[in-house]
Amino acid sequence: MENNKLVYRALTEQIIGAAITVHKTIGPGLLESVYQQALTIELTHIGLRPVCQVPCYVTYRGVGLGLGYRADIVVNGLVLLELKAVEHVRQVHHAQILSYLRSTQLKVGLLINFNAPTIKDGLVRKILQ
């Protein structure tokens, strides 16, 4: 279990570093899609494997309800990224990433708001137990 924590910690640190690089380079105030493209380029540049717009399906009581949403980015098949370019991260955004984690069965997610003054101010880490 401790090994998994170290893997997730190292991976999320790399992702956050990449997000900081993107934010410092192009700054706040752009569309979410621009940040998604730039972050994908940066993640790939540092040797990670990002997959964008990952289709996620919802089930209820064992019945498939179809495509529920698309995850912005999943990195190395382990960490889900939900990107925002909003004035303020709201409670619904926190609920959104938790729902995404549950439906994908991933354990770790990062909510990153690129419209914040710094990435540190716009970053939320979510872990499903």
Protein backbone atom coordinates (compact mmCIF):
# COMPACT_ATOMS: atom_id res chain seq x y z
CA MET A 1 0.00 0.00 0.00
CA GLU A 2 2.83 2.41 0.87
CA ASN A 3 4.35 1.73 -2.57
CA ASN A 4 1.09 2.84 -4.22
CA LYS A 5 1.10 6.05 -2.19
CA LEU A 6 4.63 6.80 -3.36
CA VAL A 7 3.71 6.13 -7.00
CA TYR A 8 0.68 8.43 -6.78
CA ARG A 9 2.65 11.11 -4.92
CA ALA A 10 5.45 11.11 -7.50
CA LEU A 11 3.00 11.13 -10.40
CA THR A 12 0.83 13.93 -9.01
CA GLU A 13 3.96 16.00 -8.27
CA GLN A 14 5.01 15.63 -11.92
CA ILE A 15 1.51 16.59 -13.10
CA ILE A 16 1.39 19.63 -10.83
CA GLY A 17 4.85 20.68 -12.03
CA ALA A 18 3.65 20.43 -15.62
CA ALA A 19 0.53 22.49 -14.80
CA ILE A 20 2.72 25.15 -13.16
CA THR A 21 4.91 25.29 -16.28
CA VAL A 22 1.85 25.73 -18.51
CA HIS A 23 0.37 28.39 -16.23
CA LYS A 24 3.63 30.34 -16.01
CA THR A 25 4.12 30.14 -19.77
CA ILE A 26 0.68 31.12 -21.08
CA GLY A 27 -0.96 32.60 -17.97
CA PRO A 28 -4.60 32.73 -16.89
CA GLY A 29 -7.58 33.95 -18.91
CA LEU A 30 -7.72 31.48 -21.79
CA LEU A 31 -10.23 28.76 -22.66
CA GLU A 32 -10.11 25.42 -20.87
CA SER A 33 -9.47 23.68 -24.20
CA VAL A 34 -6.23 25.67 -24.65
CA TYR A 35 -4.99 24.55 -21.22
CA GLN A 36 -5.93 20.95 -22.01
CA GLN A 37 -3.88 21.00 -25.20
CA ALA A 38 -0.91 22.76 -23.59
CA LEU A 39 -0.94 20.47 -20.54
CA THR A 40 -1.13 17.39 -22.76
CA ILE A 41 1.94 18.61 -24.66
CA GLU A 42 3.81 19.31 -21.41
CA LEU A 43 2.88 15.97 -19.84
CA THR A 44 4.06 14.12 -22.94
CA HIS A 45 7.25 16.21 -23.00
CA ILE A 46 8.16 15.05 -19.49
CA GLY A 47 7.54 11.40 -20.37
CA LEU A 48 4.02 10.83 -19.04
CA ARG A 49 1.13 9.26 -20.97
CA PRO A 50 -1.89 11.57 -21.01
CA VAL A 51 -5.12 10.53 -22.72
CA CYS A 52 -7.63 13.30 -23.43
CA GLN A 53 -11.41 13.25 -23.49
CA VAL A 54 -11.66 9.74 -22.07
CA PRO A 55 -15.26 8.49 -22.48
CA CYS A 56 -16.82 7.47 -19.18
CA TYR A 57 -20.01 5.51 -18.91
CA VAL A 58 -22.55 5.60 -16.12
CA THR A 59 -24.43 2.62 -14.71
CA TYR A 60 -27.32 2.55 -12.29
CA ARG A 61 -28.29 -0.69 -10.55
CA GLY A 62 -26.27 -2.62 -13.08
CA VAL A 63 -27.94 -0.96 -16.07
CA GLY A 64 -25.79 1.05 -18.44
CA LEU A 65 -27.06 4.60 -18.88
CA GLY A 66 -24.62 5.43 -21.66
CA LEU A 67 -21.96 8.05 -21.95
CA GLY A 68 -22.09 10.25 -18.87
CA TYR A 69 -19.19 12.57 -19.60
CA ARG A 70 -15.65 12.70 -20.86
CA ALA A 71 -12.74 13.02 -18.44
CA ASP A 72 -10.50 15.91 -19.51
CA ILE A 73 -7.25 13.94 -19.09
CA VAL A 74 -6.25 10.63 -17.52
CA VAL A 75 -2.51 10.35 -16.91
CA ASN A 76 -0.75 6.97 -17.04
CA GLY A 77 -4.12 5.30 -16.45
CA LEU A 78 -3.94 6.36 -12.79
CA VAL A 79 -4.76 10.02 -12.22
CA LEU A 80 -7.85 11.84 -13.50
CA LEU A 81 -7.49 15.54 -14.28
CA GLU A 82 -10.46 17.87 -14.35
CA LEU A 83 -9.41 21.20 -15.80
CA LYS A 84 -11.18 24.48 -15.25
CA ALA A 85 -10.71 28.06 -16.39
CA VAL A 86 -13.22 29.71 -14.08
CA GLU A 87 -13.24 32.67 -11.71
CA HIS A 88 -13.92 30.47 -8.67
CA VAL A 89 -13.97 26.72 -8.16
CA ARG A 90 -17.39 25.90 -6.79
CA GLN A 91 -18.74 23.03 -4.69
CA VAL A 92 -20.25 21.47 -7.81
CA HIS A 93 -16.75 21.13 -9.29
CA HIS A 94 -15.64 19.20 -6.19
CA ALA A 95 -18.68 16.93 -6.50
CA GLN A 96 -18.02 16.51 -10.22
CA ILE A 97 -14.50 15.16 -9.81
CA LEU A 98 -15.62 12.78 -7.06
CA SER A 99 -18.37 11.44 -9.34
CA TYR A 100 -15.84 11.04 -12.14
CA LEU A 101 -13.48 9.12 -9.86
CA ARG A 102 -16.25 6.79 -8.70
CA SER A 103 -17.46 6.03 -12.21
CA THR A 104 -13.96 5.45 -13.60
CA GLN A 105 -12.83 3.52 -10.51
CA LEU A 106 -9.71 5.67 -10.37
CA LYS A 107 -8.45 6.58 -6.91
CA VAL A 108 -6.76 9.97 -7.39
CA GLY A 109 -7.92 13.10 -9.15
CA LEU A 110 -6.68 16.64 -9.51
CA LEU A 111 -8.99 19.58 -10.07
CA ILE A 112 -6.87 22.32 -11.65
CA ASN A 113 -8.20 25.84 -12.21
CA PHE A 114 -5.95 27.66 -14.65
CA ASN A 115 -7.77 30.95 -14.09
CA ALA A 116 -6.37 31.25 -10.55
CA PRO A 117 -3.47 33.63 -9.87
CA THR A 118 -1.22 30.60 -9.24
CA ILE A 119 -1.78 26.87 -9.74
CA LYS A 120 -1.40 26.42 -5.97
CA ASP A 121 -4.45 28.66 -5.52
CA GLY A 122 -6.42 26.65 -8.09
CA LEU A 123 -5.47 23.10 -7.17
CA VAL A 124 -7.57 20.52 -5.34
CA ARG A 125 -6.44 16.92 -4.83
CA LYS A 126 -9.18 14.31 -4.37
CA ILE A 127 -8.55 10.77 -3.16
CA LEU A 128 -11.15 8.01 -3.04
CA GLN A 129 -10.62 5.57 -0.20
